[in-house]
């Protein structure tokens, strides 16, 4: 095995209205044998209310989410190559965690896969969904004896455009633009979708023409996709992973699943029923078991986990094995005429550009921005301070880690390198990938029983206690 490399750069599948039908099928095929799925959204607004009463905060969150929208959705699908994931709590002790719970078998007259996954038809119920259960390798014992683990990763970034009016806060809009998001591209290539709330309003009018109904079917594709995804995840015991994910699961539910319930209790029950295999929040897990971390923002966690992973290369132990995440190359859809494809860069496209890691880091005293090192953002950057910008060494996460851990023995990607064109790209797919990577590290660090004890516990900002979702009985 060669010397470990930085996991900084990764490839992804860029999904737009023009290629959704193609990638829809590919995504479902990738999810079926997955160990877990990580999710992240980019959206146009947050809730300003910070009340300590979660019932009141939920109402404020609901109002904010219903008036704003998602603009992109990142999904990272992770498959552990050594054995099927055992991340989901088994409700029966005689059943291995790696196998799905007994459920109604698909009907013998189920439609073929091509028809089952068709976006042009209503999605089947769980009784007709027939995702294949991944087979257990015949050489499991040999695989388990390996001194390192390998995960396979596929990243998808969906450009999503709501068909209703929406609000955008100044801070959020500026943030998206600063990190490479193109609103021109959103309106030209975004996948149009109708939220369940808007559907209910349109159904109340009940005076739509046939043309309007056909148009509406087109705009339910993402909702239908999520119906199938959750069916597959339920059948194959695949958990969902988020980072500080309250906004993500609320935006997901509002955008593609149903009208947000009026009460917090109603939402807790509804979202846990959609994901009976459970939800893990990496920010909460770090707060409980991440004593080696001095901060909890995602960029810091990802890069430190990557360094700790690299450091374990020569000190691999059964209790903390070395692991690698092998990222698959983009799946290219068939193209008749490449010249017809508009060459427009979306947010995060810069993540695809090759970056040469610095071969040498100055041993002089490292100066960093304390605010950025602690929280992942700096008020001075927003104020236009010339010393505090996205490419500033003061905001280089690798320099933050150099100061904390010492200069790495392995090559790293320094974003303040003037020859580095990764910029400050901030993309949903990349955040989903970083979330998945952090979870791979935590999965090897945290005992399985402790991990199960923290299923369905979602981090709440400015609160010492997580949101506890009920664990559905299977």
Foldseek 3Di string as FASTA:
>chain_A
DDADAFPQFFAAAEAWQVCPQVVLLVVLVLQLQFQAKEKFFQKFDAFPDDDPPVFVVVLSRLVQLVQIATFKMKMKTKHWPLWAHLQFDDPDPVDGSRFADDDQAADPPQDDPVVQSDLQDFHDALNRDHRDADDTDPPNVVSLPDLEIEMEMHMYMAGADEPDHHDGDPVSVVVQVQQFADVVCSVVTHQYAYWQVVVVVVVVVVPDDPVVVSVHSSRLSVLSSLSNSLSSCNRRLHEYEYALCPSVLSNCCGGRNHRQDNGPLVNLAVSCVSRLSFYHYLLVLCVVPVPVDQARDLVLLLSVLSLVLSVCPVVGDQLQGRYYYHYDHYDDDDDDDPVPDDPDDRFPPLSNDDADFDPDDDPPDQAADPVCLHYVDDPVCVVVDVQDHQLHSNNWSQSSVCVVPNHGPHTDHTSNPPVRPSTNGDGRNVSSVSRVSSVVNSVSNDPSVVSNVRTQFRDDPPDPGTDHRDNDDD
